[in-house]
Amino acid sequence: MNIFTLRRFDRWAVNLICITPAIVLGVLYVIGQLGPDPIMTLERRTGDVALIFLVISLLFTPLRIVTGFNRGIKYRRITGLWSFYYAATHFLIFLGLDYGFDFPLAAQAIVQSQYIWFGLVALFILLTMAITSTNGWKVRLRKNWRRIHRFVYLASFLAIVHFGLTLKGNLLPIRGDEFWPLVGLIVWAVLMLIRVPPIRKLVSRLK
């Protein structure tokens, strides 16, 4: 197996891993195994997966800084795009299955629910990044491409806030399974700190 074939295999493997949650959720929905409120479960789980892949996409640069492992950087775009796909599905389930594409009613819910605004801003950022993720856009935008894609840090933070506020309106709950937004916030903070130039230099020297 040559290096080109190996790289293609790697990408296929990562994409297969990323699409697996969608397949599992689809099968569970069809066979009626998503609980008493399958639409709500589907909506929540697609949001969860979107956030997980978004955080994973932020992991590769700190991993390179800490370990010197460069190979994972090529998966950053793949996981970022899958995060957008799941986030878009999450929103479409909300709009289509939950509100039956009743746009006035959905708009009213959006206006009245603060947590939805955080999610929509995050989704808009991810949409912009997905559209401009191609090499063609990278050439056209030049230095602006990097500036635009740094908004992923804001999108990930807003997505965590959105996730936390969906749990009884509390960003930092500490009971039962509801501690996950706090875990996400801590992980996000660590991944951001490693990127700070003084800390990045210090970590690089310790390798």
N, C-alpha and C. Protein backbone atom coordinates (compact mmCIF):
# COMPACT_ATOMS: atom_id res chain seq x y z
N MET A 1 0.85 -1.19 0.00
CA MET A 1 0.00 0.00 0.00
C MET A 1 0.89 1.25 0.00
N ASN A 2 0.80 2.07 -1.08
CA ASN A 2 1.62 3.26 -1.15
C ASN A 2 1.06 4.37 -0.27
N ILE A 3 1.85 5.47 -0.13
CA ILE A 3 1.46 6.55 0.78
C ILE A 3 0.18 7.23 0.33
N PHE A 4 -0.05 7.35 -0.98
CA PHE A 4 -1.26 7.99 -1.49
C PHE A 4 -2.49 7.17 -1.12
N THR A 5 -2.39 5.85 -1.32
CA THR A 5 -3.50 4.96 -0.97
C THR A 5 -3.78 4.99 0.52
N LEU A 6 -2.69 5.04 1.33
CA LEU A 6 -2.84 5.08 2.78
C LEU A 6 -3.57 6.34 3.22
N ARG A 7 -3.22 7.48 2.58
CA ARG A 7 -3.88 8.73 2.94
C ARG A 7 -5.36 8.70 2.59
N ARG A 8 -5.69 8.12 1.44
CA ARG A 8 -7.09 8.00 1.05
C ARG A 8 -7.83 7.09 2.02
N PHE A 9 -7.16 6.01 2.44
CA PHE A 9 -7.78 5.10 3.40
C PHE A 9 -8.05 5.81 4.72
N ASP A 10 -7.10 6.64 5.16
CA ASP A 10 -7.27 7.39 6.40
C ASP A 10 -8.50 8.27 6.32
N ARG A 11 -8.66 8.98 5.21
CA ARG A 11 -9.81 9.88 5.06
C ARG A 11 -11.12 9.10 5.03
N TRP A 12 -11.11 7.98 4.32
CA TRP A 12 -12.33 7.16 4.29
C TRP A 12 -12.67 6.66 5.68
N ALA A 13 -11.65 6.27 6.45
CA ALA A 13 -11.88 5.76 7.80
C ALA A 13 -12.45 6.84 8.71
N VAL A 14 -11.90 8.05 8.62
CA VAL A 14 -12.39 9.16 9.45
C VAL A 14 -13.82 9.52 9.07
N ASN A 15 -14.10 9.58 7.77
CA ASN A 15 -15.46 9.88 7.32
C ASN A 15 -16.44 8.80 7.76
N LEU A 16 -16.01 7.55 7.74
CA LEU A 16 -16.87 6.45 8.19
C LEU A 16 -17.19 6.59 9.67
N ILE A 17 -16.19 6.95 10.45
CA ILE A 17 -16.41 7.17 11.89
C ILE A 17 -17.40 8.32 12.10
N CYS A 18 -17.23 9.37 11.31
CA CYS A 18 -18.08 10.56 11.48
C CYS A 18 -19.52 10.32 11.07
N ILE A 19 -19.75 9.48 10.07
CA ILE A 19 -21.12 9.25 9.60
C ILE A 19 -21.84 8.19 10.44
N THR A 20 -21.09 7.43 11.23
CA THR A 20 -21.68 6.36 12.03
C THR A 20 -22.80 6.84 12.95
N PRO A 21 -22.65 7.95 13.69
CA PRO A 21 -23.76 8.41 14.54
C PRO A 21 -25.04 8.67 13.74
N ALA A 22 -24.90 9.21 12.53
CA ALA A 22 -26.08 9.48 11.70
C ALA A 22 -26.78 8.17 11.32
N ILE A 23 -25.98 7.17 10.98
CA ILE A 23 -26.55 5.88 10.61
C ILE A 23 -27.27 5.25 11.80
N VAL A 24 -26.60 5.28 12.96
CA VAL A 24 -27.19 4.69 14.16
C VAL A 24 -28.49 5.40 14.54
N LEU A 25 -28.47 6.73 14.53
CA LEU A 25 -29.68 7.48 14.86
C LEU A 25 -30.81 7.22 13.86
N GLY A 26 -30.44 7.13 12.58
CA GLY A 26 -31.44 6.86 11.55
C GLY A 26 -32.09 5.51 11.74
N VAL A 27 -31.29 4.49 12.04
CA VAL A 27 -31.82 3.15 12.25
C VAL A 27 -32.71 3.11 13.49
N LEU A 28 -32.24 3.72 14.58
CA LEU A 28 -33.02 3.74 15.82
C LEU A 28 -34.34 4.48 15.63
N TYR A 29 -34.32 5.53 14.81
CA TYR A 29 -35.56 6.27 14.54
C TYR A 29 -36.55 5.41 13.75
N VAL A 30 -36.04 4.70 12.75
CA VAL A 30 -36.91 3.87 11.89
C VAL A 30 -37.54 2.73 12.68
N ILE A 31 -36.77 2.10 13.57
CA ILE A 31 -37.29 0.95 14.32
C ILE A 31 -37.98 1.38 15.61
N GLY A 32 -38.07 2.68 15.84
CA GLY A 32 -38.81 3.19 16.99
C GLY A 32 -38.14 2.97 18.33
N GLN A 33 -36.81 3.14 18.37
CA GLN A 33 -36.07 2.91 19.60
C GLN A 33 -35.44 4.19 20.16
N LEU A 34 -36.07 5.33 19.91
CA LEU A 34 -35.53 6.60 20.42
C LEU A 34 -36.36 7.16 21.57
N GLY A 35 -37.10 6.29 22.24
CA GLY A 35 -37.84 6.72 23.41
C GLY A 35 -39.22 7.27 23.09
N PRO A 36 -39.90 7.80 24.11
CA PRO A 36 -41.28 8.28 23.92
C PRO A 36 -41.38 9.53 23.06
N ASP A 37 -40.30 10.30 22.96
CA ASP A 37 -40.31 11.51 22.12
C ASP A 37 -39.14 11.43 21.15
N PRO A 38 -39.26 10.65 20.07
CA PRO A 38 -38.13 10.41 19.17
C PRO A 38 -37.61 11.67 18.49
N ILE A 39 -38.50 12.60 18.18
CA ILE A 39 -38.06 13.83 17.51
C ILE A 39 -37.16 14.65 18.43
N MET A 40 -37.55 14.78 19.69
CA MET A 40 -36.73 15.51 20.65
C MET A 40 -35.39 14.81 20.86
N THR A 41 -35.42 13.47 20.95
CA THR A 41 -34.18 12.72 21.12
C THR A 41 -33.27 12.91 19.92
N LEU A 42 -33.85 12.84 18.73
CA LEU A 42 -33.08 13.03 17.50
C LEU A 42 -32.48 14.43 17.45
N GLU A 43 -33.28 15.41 17.85
CA GLU A 43 -32.81 16.80 17.85
C GLU A 43 -31.64 16.97 18.81
N ARG A 44 -31.78 16.42 20.00
CA ARG A 44 -30.72 16.57 21.01
C ARG A 44 -29.46 15.83 20.62
N ARG A 45 -29.61 14.62 20.13
CA ARG A 45 -28.42 13.80 19.83
C ARG A 45 -27.63 14.35 18.64
N THR A 46 -28.31 14.88 17.63
CA THR A 46 -27.58 15.49 16.52
C THR A 46 -26.83 16.73 16.99
N GLY A 47 -27.43 17.48 17.92
CA GLY A 47 -26.73 18.62 18.50
C GLY A 47 -25.52 18.18 19.30
N ASP A 48 -25.68 17.10 20.08
CA ASP A 48 -24.56 16.58 20.87
C ASP A 48 -23.39 16.17 19.96
N VAL A 49 -23.71 15.45 18.89
CA VAL A 49 -22.67 14.97 17.99
C VAL A 49 -21.98 16.14 17.29
N ALA A 50 -22.77 17.15 16.90
CA ALA A 50 -22.19 18.33 16.26
C ALA A 50 -21.18 18.99 17.18
N LEU A 51 -21.52 19.13 18.45
CA LEU A 51 -20.61 19.75 19.41
C LEU A 51 -19.37 18.90 19.63
N ILE A 52 -19.54 17.60 19.72
CA ILE A 52 -18.39 16.70 19.92
C ILE A 52 -17.41 16.81 18.77
N PHE A 53 -17.92 16.77 17.54
CA PHE A 53 -17.01 16.87 16.38
C PHE A 53 -16.38 18.26 16.28
N LEU A 54 -17.10 19.28 16.71
CA LEU A 54 -16.54 20.63 16.68
C LEU A 54 -15.38 20.73 17.65
N VAL A 55 -15.53 20.17 18.84
CA VAL A 55 -14.44 20.17 19.82
C VAL A 55 -13.28 19.32 19.32
N ILE A 56 -13.58 18.18 18.70
CA ILE A 56 -12.53 17.33 18.16
C ILE A 56 -11.73 18.08 17.09
N SER A 57 -12.42 18.88 16.27
CA SER A 57 -11.71 19.63 15.23
C SER A 57 -10.73 20.64 15.82
N LEU A 58 -10.99 21.07 17.06
CA LEU A 58 -10.09 22.00 17.74
C LEU A 58 -8.92 21.30 18.41
N LEU A 59 -8.98 19.99 18.48
CA LEU A 59 -8.00 19.22 19.23
C LEU A 59 -6.68 19.05 18.49
N PHE A 60 -6.71 19.04 17.16
CA PHE A 60 -5.53 18.63 16.39
C PHE A 60 -4.36 19.61 16.50
N THR A 61 -4.64 20.91 16.54
CA THR A 61 -3.54 21.87 16.68
C THR A 61 -2.87 21.76 18.05
N PRO A 62 -3.62 21.74 19.17
CA PRO A 62 -2.97 21.51 20.46
C PRO A 62 -2.22 20.18 20.52
N LEU A 63 -2.77 19.15 19.86
CA LEU A 63 -2.09 17.86 19.82
C LEU A 63 -0.74 17.97 19.14
N ARG A 64 -0.68 18.74 18.07
CA ARG A 64 0.59 18.97 17.37
C ARG A 64 1.56 19.76 18.25
N ILE A 65 1.04 20.75 18.97
CA ILE A 65 1.89 21.57 19.83
C ILE A 65 2.48 20.73 20.96
N VAL A 66 1.64 19.88 21.56
CA VAL A 66 2.06 19.11 22.73
C VAL A 66 2.93 17.92 22.35
N THR A 67 2.58 17.22 21.27
CA THR A 67 3.27 15.96 20.93
C THR A 67 4.12 16.04 19.67
N GLY A 68 3.91 17.07 18.86
CA GLY A 68 4.62 17.14 17.58
C GLY A 68 3.99 16.28 16.50
N PHE A 69 2.81 15.72 16.79
CA PHE A 69 2.11 14.86 15.83
C PHE A 69 1.38 15.73 14.81
N ASN A 70 1.91 15.79 13.59
CA ASN A 70 1.36 16.66 12.55
C ASN A 70 0.28 16.01 11.70
N ARG A 71 0.25 14.72 11.68
CA ARG A 71 -0.61 14.01 10.74
C ARG A 71 -2.09 14.27 10.98
N GLY A 72 -2.45 14.55 12.23
CA GLY A 72 -3.85 14.75 12.55
C GLY A 72 -4.44 16.03 12.00
N ILE A 73 -3.58 16.98 11.61
CA ILE A 73 -4.08 18.27 11.12
C ILE A 73 -4.99 18.10 9.90
N LYS A 74 -4.70 17.09 9.07
CA LYS A 74 -5.51 16.91 7.86
C LYS A 74 -6.94 16.47 8.17
N TYR A 75 -7.17 16.01 9.40
CA TYR A 75 -8.52 15.60 9.79
C TYR A 75 -9.33 16.76 10.36
N ARG A 76 -8.68 17.90 10.56
CA ARG A 76 -9.36 19.05 11.15
C ARG A 76 -10.51 19.52 10.26
N ARG A 77 -10.27 19.60 8.98
CA ARG A 77 -11.31 20.04 8.04
C ARG A 77 -12.45 19.04 7.98
N ILE A 78 -12.12 17.74 7.96
CA ILE A 78 -13.15 16.70 7.87
C ILE A 78 -14.09 16.76 9.07
N THR A 79 -13.52 16.79 10.26
CA THR A 79 -14.35 16.80 11.46
C THR A 79 -15.12 18.11 11.59
N GLY A 80 -14.51 19.21 11.13
CA GLY A 80 -15.21 20.49 11.15
C GLY A 80 -16.42 20.49 10.23
N LEU A 81 -16.26 19.91 9.04
CA LEU A 81 -17.38 19.83 8.11
C LEU A 81 -18.49 18.92 8.64
N TRP A 82 -18.11 17.81 9.23
CA TRP A 82 -19.13 16.93 9.81
C TRP A 82 -19.85 17.60 10.96
N SER A 83 -19.13 18.41 11.71
CA SER A 83 -19.78 19.18 12.77
C SER A 83 -20.86 20.08 12.19
N PHE A 84 -20.54 20.75 11.08
CA PHE A 84 -21.54 21.60 10.42
C PHE A 84 -22.72 20.77 9.93
N TYR A 85 -22.46 19.63 9.33
CA TYR A 85 -23.55 18.80 8.80
C TYR A 85 -24.51 18.38 9.93
N TYR A 86 -23.95 17.97 11.06
CA TYR A 86 -24.80 17.57 12.18
C TYR A 86 -25.52 18.77 12.79
N ALA A 87 -24.85 19.92 12.85
CA ALA A 87 -25.49 21.13 13.38
C ALA A 87 -26.64 21.57 12.47
N ALA A 88 -26.42 21.49 11.16
CA ALA A 88 -27.48 21.85 10.21
C ALA A 88 -28.65 20.87 10.32
N THR A 89 -28.35 19.58 10.48
CA THR A 89 -29.40 18.58 10.68
C THR A 89 -30.17 18.84 11.97
N HIS A 90 -29.43 19.20 12.99
CA HIS A 90 -30.03 19.56 14.29
C HIS A 90 -31.04 20.70 14.11
N PHE A 91 -30.66 21.72 13.36
CA PHE A 91 -31.56 22.85 13.15
C PHE A 91 -32.74 22.47 12.26
N LEU A 92 -32.49 21.66 11.23
CA LEU A 92 -33.56 21.25 10.33
C LEU A 92 -34.59 20.36 11.04
N ILE A 93 -34.12 19.55 11.97
CA ILE A 93 -35.05 18.75 12.76
C ILE A 93 -35.93 19.66 13.61
N PHE A 94 -35.30 20.67 14.20
CA PHE A 94 -36.05 21.67 14.98
C PHE A 94 -37.09 22.37 14.10
N LEU A 95 -36.66 22.79 12.92
CA LEU A 95 -37.54 23.55 12.05
C LEU A 95 -38.58 22.68 11.35
N GLY A 96 -38.16 21.50 10.89
CA GLY A 96 -39.04 20.65 10.09
C GLY A 96 -39.87 19.66 10.89
N LEU A 97 -39.21 18.84 11.72
CA LEU A 97 -39.94 17.82 12.46
C LEU A 97 -40.62 18.37 13.69
N ASP A 98 -39.95 19.33 14.35
CA ASP A 98 -40.51 19.87 15.58
C ASP A 98 -41.60 20.91 15.30
N TYR A 99 -41.37 21.77 14.28
CA TYR A 99 -42.32 22.85 13.99
C TYR A 99 -42.99 22.71 12.62
N GLY A 100 -42.74 21.61 11.93
CA GLY A 100 -43.41 21.36 10.67
C GLY A 100 -43.21 22.46 9.64
N PHE A 101 -42.05 23.08 9.66
CA PHE A 101 -41.72 24.20 8.76
C PHE A 101 -42.74 25.34 8.85
N ASP A 102 -43.32 25.47 10.05
CA ASP A 102 -44.20 26.61 10.32
C ASP A 102 -43.29 27.78 10.71
N PHE A 103 -42.86 28.56 9.72
CA PHE A 103 -41.84 29.58 9.93
C PHE A 103 -42.27 30.65 10.94
N PRO A 104 -43.50 31.16 10.89
CA PRO A 104 -43.89 32.15 11.92
C PRO A 104 -43.81 31.59 13.33
N LEU A 105 -44.27 30.35 13.52
CA LEU A 105 -44.24 29.74 14.85
C LEU A 105 -42.80 29.49 15.29
N ALA A 106 -41.97 29.01 14.35
CA ALA A 106 -40.56 28.77 14.67
C ALA A 106 -39.85 30.08 14.99
N ALA A 107 -40.17 31.13 14.23
CA ALA A 107 -39.56 32.44 14.47
C ALA A 107 -39.94 32.96 15.86
N GLN A 108 -41.18 32.72 16.25
CA GLN A 108 -41.64 33.15 17.57
C GLN A 108 -40.86 32.41 18.67
N ALA A 109 -40.64 31.11 18.45
CA ALA A 109 -39.88 30.32 19.43
C ALA A 109 -38.44 30.81 19.51
N ILE A 110 -37.87 31.17 18.35
CA ILE A 110 -36.49 31.67 18.32
C ILE A 110 -36.37 32.99 19.07
N VAL A 111 -37.32 33.88 18.83
CA VAL A 111 -37.30 35.19 19.49
C VAL A 111 -37.43 35.04 21.00
N GLN A 112 -38.24 34.10 21.44
CA GLN A 112 -38.52 33.95 22.87
C GLN A 112 -37.49 33.11 23.61
N SER A 113 -36.63 32.41 22.88
CA SER A 113 -35.67 31.49 23.51
C SER A 113 -34.25 31.96 23.28
N GLN A 114 -33.62 32.46 24.33
CA GLN A 114 -32.27 33.00 24.23
C GLN A 114 -31.26 31.96 23.76
N TYR A 115 -31.41 30.73 24.25
CA TYR A 115 -30.42 29.71 23.92
C TYR A 115 -30.37 29.41 22.42
N ILE A 116 -31.51 29.58 21.73
CA ILE A 116 -31.53 29.32 20.29
C ILE A 116 -30.66 30.32 19.55
N TRP A 117 -30.62 31.56 20.03
CA TRP A 117 -29.79 32.58 19.37
C TRP A 117 -28.33 32.19 19.38
N PHE A 118 -27.85 31.66 20.50
CA PHE A 118 -26.45 31.23 20.56
C PHE A 118 -26.20 30.13 19.53
N GLY A 119 -27.13 29.19 19.43
CA GLY A 119 -26.98 28.10 18.47
C GLY A 119 -27.01 28.59 17.03
N LEU A 120 -27.90 29.56 16.73
CA LEU A 120 -28.00 30.07 15.36
C LEU A 120 -26.75 30.82 14.94
N VAL A 121 -26.18 31.61 15.84
CA VAL A 121 -24.94 32.33 15.51
C VAL A 121 -23.82 31.33 15.26
N ALA A 122 -23.73 30.30 16.11
CA ALA A 122 -22.72 29.26 15.91
C ALA A 122 -22.92 28.56 14.56
N LEU A 123 -24.18 28.25 14.23
CA LEU A 123 -24.48 27.59 12.96
C LEU A 123 -24.11 28.48 11.78
N PHE A 124 -24.38 29.77 11.87
CA PHE A 124 -24.04 30.69 10.79
C PHE A 124 -22.52 30.74 10.58
N ILE A 125 -21.77 30.75 11.66
CA ILE A 125 -20.30 30.73 11.54
C ILE A 125 -19.84 29.44 10.88
N LEU A 126 -20.39 28.32 11.31
CA LEU A 126 -20.01 27.03 10.72
C LEU A 126 -20.39 26.96 9.24
N LEU A 127 -21.54 27.55 8.89
CA LEU A 127 -21.95 27.59 7.48
C LEU A 127 -20.94 28.39 6.66
N THR A 128 -20.55 29.55 7.16
CA THR A 128 -19.55 30.38 6.47
C THR A 128 -18.24 29.62 6.29
N MET A 129 -17.83 28.92 7.33
CA MET A 129 -16.57 28.16 7.26
C MET A 129 -16.69 26.98 6.31
N ALA A 130 -17.85 26.32 6.29
CA ALA A 130 -18.04 25.19 5.38
C ALA A 130 -17.98 25.64 3.92
N ILE A 131 -18.62 26.77 3.63
CA ILE A 131 -18.63 27.29 2.26
C ILE A 131 -17.22 27.66 1.81
N THR A 132 -16.44 28.25 2.71
CA THR A 132 -15.10 28.73 2.35
C THR A 132 -14.00 27.72 2.67
N SER A 133 -14.37 26.47 2.89
CA SER A 133 -13.37 25.47 3.30
C SER A 133 -12.56 24.90 2.14
N THR A 134 -12.99 25.17 0.91
CA THR A 134 -12.31 24.59 -0.25
C THR A 134 -11.00 25.32 -0.55
N ASN A 135 -10.12 24.66 -1.30
CA ASN A 135 -8.84 25.26 -1.67
C ASN A 135 -9.04 26.50 -2.54
N GLY A 136 -10.11 26.48 -3.36
CA GLY A 136 -10.39 27.63 -4.20
C GLY A 136 -10.66 28.89 -3.38
N TRP A 137 -11.48 28.75 -2.34
CA TRP A 137 -11.76 29.88 -1.46
C TRP A 137 -10.52 30.29 -0.67
N LYS A 138 -9.70 29.32 -0.34
CA LYS A 138 -8.48 29.63 0.39
C LYS A 138 -7.56 30.52 -0.44
N VAL A 139 -7.50 30.23 -1.74
CA VAL A 139 -6.68 31.05 -2.65
C VAL A 139 -7.30 32.44 -2.82
N ARG A 140 -8.63 32.49 -2.98
CA ARG A 140 -9.30 33.78 -3.20
C ARG A 140 -9.19 34.69 -1.98
N LEU A 141 -9.36 34.13 -0.81
CA LEU A 141 -9.41 34.94 0.40
C LEU A 141 -8.03 35.28 0.96
N ARG A 142 -7.04 34.46 0.61
CA ARG A 142 -5.66 34.68 1.06
C ARG A 142 -5.59 34.79 2.59
N LYS A 143 -5.06 35.92 3.10
CA LYS A 143 -4.91 36.07 4.55
C LYS A 143 -6.26 36.11 5.27
N ASN A 144 -7.27 36.58 4.58
CA ASN A 144 -8.60 36.66 5.19
C ASN A 144 -9.17 35.28 5.48
N TRP A 145 -8.71 34.27 4.76
CA TRP A 145 -9.21 32.91 4.97
C TRP A 145 -8.90 32.46 6.40
N ARG A 146 -7.69 32.69 6.83
CA ARG A 146 -7.31 32.30 8.20
C ARG A 146 -8.10 33.11 9.23
N ARG A 147 -8.30 34.39 8.95
CA ARG A 147 -9.06 35.22 9.88
C ARG A 147 -10.50 34.73 10.03
N ILE A 148 -11.10 34.38 8.88
CA ILE A 148 -12.48 33.88 8.92
C ILE A 148 -12.57 32.58 9.71
N HIS A 149 -11.62 31.69 9.48
CA HIS A 149 -11.70 30.37 10.10
C HIS A 149 -11.31 30.38 11.57
N ARG A 150 -10.75 31.48 12.04
CA ARG A 150 -10.51 31.60 13.48
C ARG A 150 -11.80 31.81 14.25
N PHE A 151 -12.88 32.14 13.54
CA PHE A 151 -14.17 32.29 14.20
C PHE A 151 -14.70 30.95 14.72
N VAL A 152 -14.02 29.85 14.38
CA VAL A 152 -14.42 28.55 14.92
C VAL A 152 -14.30 28.56 16.43
N TYR A 153 -13.37 29.35 16.97
CA TYR A 153 -13.22 29.42 18.43
C TYR A 153 -14.48 30.02 19.06
N LEU A 154 -15.00 31.06 18.43
CA LEU A 154 -16.24 31.68 18.91
C LEU A 154 -17.42 30.72 18.72
N ALA A 155 -17.48 30.07 17.56
CA ALA A 155 -18.58 29.14 17.28
C ALA A 155 -18.62 28.02 18.31
N SER A 156 -17.47 27.48 18.65
CA SER A 156 -17.42 26.38 19.62
C SER A 156 -17.86 26.85 21.00
N PHE A 157 -17.45 28.06 21.39
CA PHE A 157 -17.87 28.59 22.69
C PHE A 157 -19.39 28.81 22.71
N LEU A 158 -19.93 29.40 21.64
CA LEU A 158 -21.37 29.64 21.57
C LEU A 158 -22.15 28.33 21.57
N ALA A 159 -21.60 27.30 20.91
CA ALA A 159 -22.26 26.00 20.88
C ALA A 159 -22.33 25.39 22.27
N ILE A 160 -21.26 25.56 23.05
CA ILE A 160 -21.25 25.05 24.43
C ILE A 160 -22.27 25.81 25.29
N VAL A 161 -22.33 27.13 25.11
CA VAL A 161 -23.31 27.93 25.84
C VAL A 161 -24.73 27.50 25.45
N HIS A 162 -24.95 27.32 24.16
CA HIS A 162 -26.26 26.84 23.67
C HIS A 162 -26.62 25.51 24.31
N PHE A 163 -25.67 24.61 24.36
CA PHE A 163 -25.89 23.30 24.96
C PHE A 163 -26.24 23.43 26.43
N GLY A 164 -25.48 24.27 27.14
CA GLY A 164 -25.73 24.43 28.57
C GLY A 164 -27.08 25.05 28.86
N LEU A 165 -27.47 26.04 28.06
CA LEU A 165 -28.73 26.73 28.30
C LEU A 165 -29.95 25.88 27.95
N THR A 166 -29.76 24.86 27.13
CA THR A 166 -30.88 23.96 26.84
C THR A 166 -31.23 23.10 28.05
N LEU A 167 -30.31 22.98 28.99
CA LEU A 167 -30.55 22.16 30.17
C LEU A 167 -31.11 23.03 31.29
N LYS A 168 -32.41 23.24 31.24
CA LYS A 168 -33.13 24.02 32.25
C LYS A 168 -32.60 25.44 32.37
N GLY A 169 -32.06 25.96 31.27
CA GLY A 169 -31.61 27.34 31.26
C GLY A 169 -30.38 27.60 32.09
N ASN A 170 -29.66 26.55 32.48
CA ASN A 170 -28.50 26.72 33.36
C ASN A 170 -27.24 26.34 32.61
N LEU A 171 -26.29 27.28 32.50
CA LEU A 171 -25.07 27.02 31.75
C LEU A 171 -24.17 26.03 32.46
N LEU A 172 -24.13 26.07 33.77
CA LEU A 172 -23.20 25.23 34.51
C LEU A 172 -23.91 24.35 35.54
N PRO A 173 -24.83 23.47 35.13
CA PRO A 173 -25.48 22.57 36.08
C PRO A 173 -24.49 21.53 36.58
N ILE A 174 -24.71 21.01 37.75
CA ILE A 174 -23.75 20.06 38.31
C ILE A 174 -24.43 18.78 38.79
N ARG A 175 -25.67 18.56 38.40
CA ARG A 175 -26.38 17.39 38.85
C ARG A 175 -26.55 16.38 37.72
N GLY A 176 -26.33 15.10 38.04
CA GLY A 176 -26.55 14.03 37.08
C GLY A 176 -25.71 14.22 35.83
N ASP A 177 -26.31 13.87 34.67
CA ASP A 177 -25.61 13.97 33.39
C ASP A 177 -25.48 15.42 32.92
N GLU A 178 -26.08 16.34 33.64
CA GLU A 178 -26.11 17.72 33.19
C GLU A 178 -24.80 18.47 33.46
N PHE A 179 -23.76 17.76 33.92
CA PHE A 179 -22.47 18.41 34.13
C PHE A 179 -21.68 18.51 32.84
N TRP A 180 -22.18 17.94 31.74
CA TRP A 180 -21.41 17.90 30.49
C TRP A 180 -21.10 19.28 29.91
N PRO A 181 -22.00 20.28 30.02
CA PRO A 181 -21.61 21.61 29.53
C PRO A 181 -20.39 22.16 30.25
N LEU A 182 -20.27 21.90 31.56
CA LEU A 182 -19.10 22.34 32.31
C LEU A 182 -17.85 21.63 31.82
N VAL A 183 -17.97 20.33 31.56
CA VAL A 183 -16.84 19.57 31.02
C VAL A 183 -16.42 20.15 29.67
N GLY A 184 -17.41 20.43 28.81
CA GLY A 184 -17.11 21.01 27.51
C GLY A 184 -16.43 22.35 27.62
N LEU A 185 -16.87 23.17 28.57
CA LEU A 185 -16.28 24.49 28.77
C LEU A 185 -14.83 24.38 29.25
N ILE A 186 -14.57 23.44 30.13
CA ILE A 186 -13.20 23.23 30.62
C ILE A 186 -12.29 22.75 29.49
N VAL A 187 -12.78 21.78 28.72
CA VAL A 187 -11.99 21.27 27.59
C VAL A 187 -11.71 22.39 26.59
N TRP A 188 -12.74 23.18 26.28
CA TRP A 188 -12.58 24.30 25.36
C TRP A 188 -11.53 25.29 25.88
N ALA A 189 -11.59 25.61 27.17
CA ALA A 189 -10.65 26.56 27.76
C ALA A 189 -9.21 26.04 27.67
N VAL A 190 -9.02 24.75 27.92
CA VAL A 190 -7.67 24.16 27.83
C VAL A 190 -7.15 24.22 26.40
N LEU A 191 -8.00 23.88 25.44
CA LEU A 191 -7.59 23.91 24.03
C LEU A 191 -7.27 25.32 23.57
N MET A 192 -7.96 26.31 24.12
CA MET A 192 -7.67 27.70 23.79
C MET A 192 -6.38 28.17 24.44
N LEU A 193 -6.16 27.79 25.70
CA LEU A 193 -4.96 28.23 26.42
C LEU A 193 -3.68 27.73 25.75
N ILE A 194 -3.72 26.51 25.25
CA ILE A 194 -2.53 25.95 24.60
C ILE A 194 -2.15 26.76 23.37
N ARG A 195 -3.13 27.44 22.76
CA ARG A 195 -2.87 28.25 21.58
C ARG A 195 -2.27 29.62 21.90
N VAL A 196 -2.36 30.06 23.15
CA VAL A 196 -1.82 31.37 23.54
C VAL A 196 -0.30 31.34 23.34
N PRO A 197 0.28 32.29 22.58
CA PRO A 197 1.71 32.22 22.22
C PRO A 197 2.67 31.91 23.36
N PRO A 198 2.63 32.58 24.53
CA PRO A 198 3.58 32.25 25.59
C PRO A 198 3.45 30.80 26.07
N ILE A 199 2.19 30.34 26.23
CA ILE A 199 1.97 28.95 26.67
C ILE A 199 2.38 27.98 25.57
N ARG A 200 2.10 28.35 24.32
CA ARG A 200 2.47 27.50 23.18
C ARG A 200 3.99 27.31 23.13
N LYS A 201 4.74 28.38 23.35
CA LYS A 201 6.20 28.30 23.34
C LYS A 201 6.71 27.44 24.49
N LEU A 202 6.08 27.64 25.67
CA LEU A 202 6.49 26.86 26.83
C LEU A 202 6.25 25.37 26.63
N VAL A 203 5.08 25.04 26.10
CA VAL A 203 4.76 23.63 25.85
C VAL A 203 5.68 23.04 24.80
N SER A 204 6.00 23.81 23.76
CA SER A 204 6.88 23.32 22.69
C SER A 204 8.27 23.02 23.22
N ARG A 205 8.74 23.80 24.18
CA ARG A 205 10.07 23.57 24.74
C ARG A 205 10.13 22.32 25.61
N LEU A 206 8.97 21.93 26.14
CA LEU A 206 8.92 20.76 27.02
C LEU A 206 8.85 19.45 26.28
N LYS A 207 8.67 19.50 24.96
CA LYS A 207 8.54 18.25 24.18
C LYS A 207 9.84 17.47 24.18
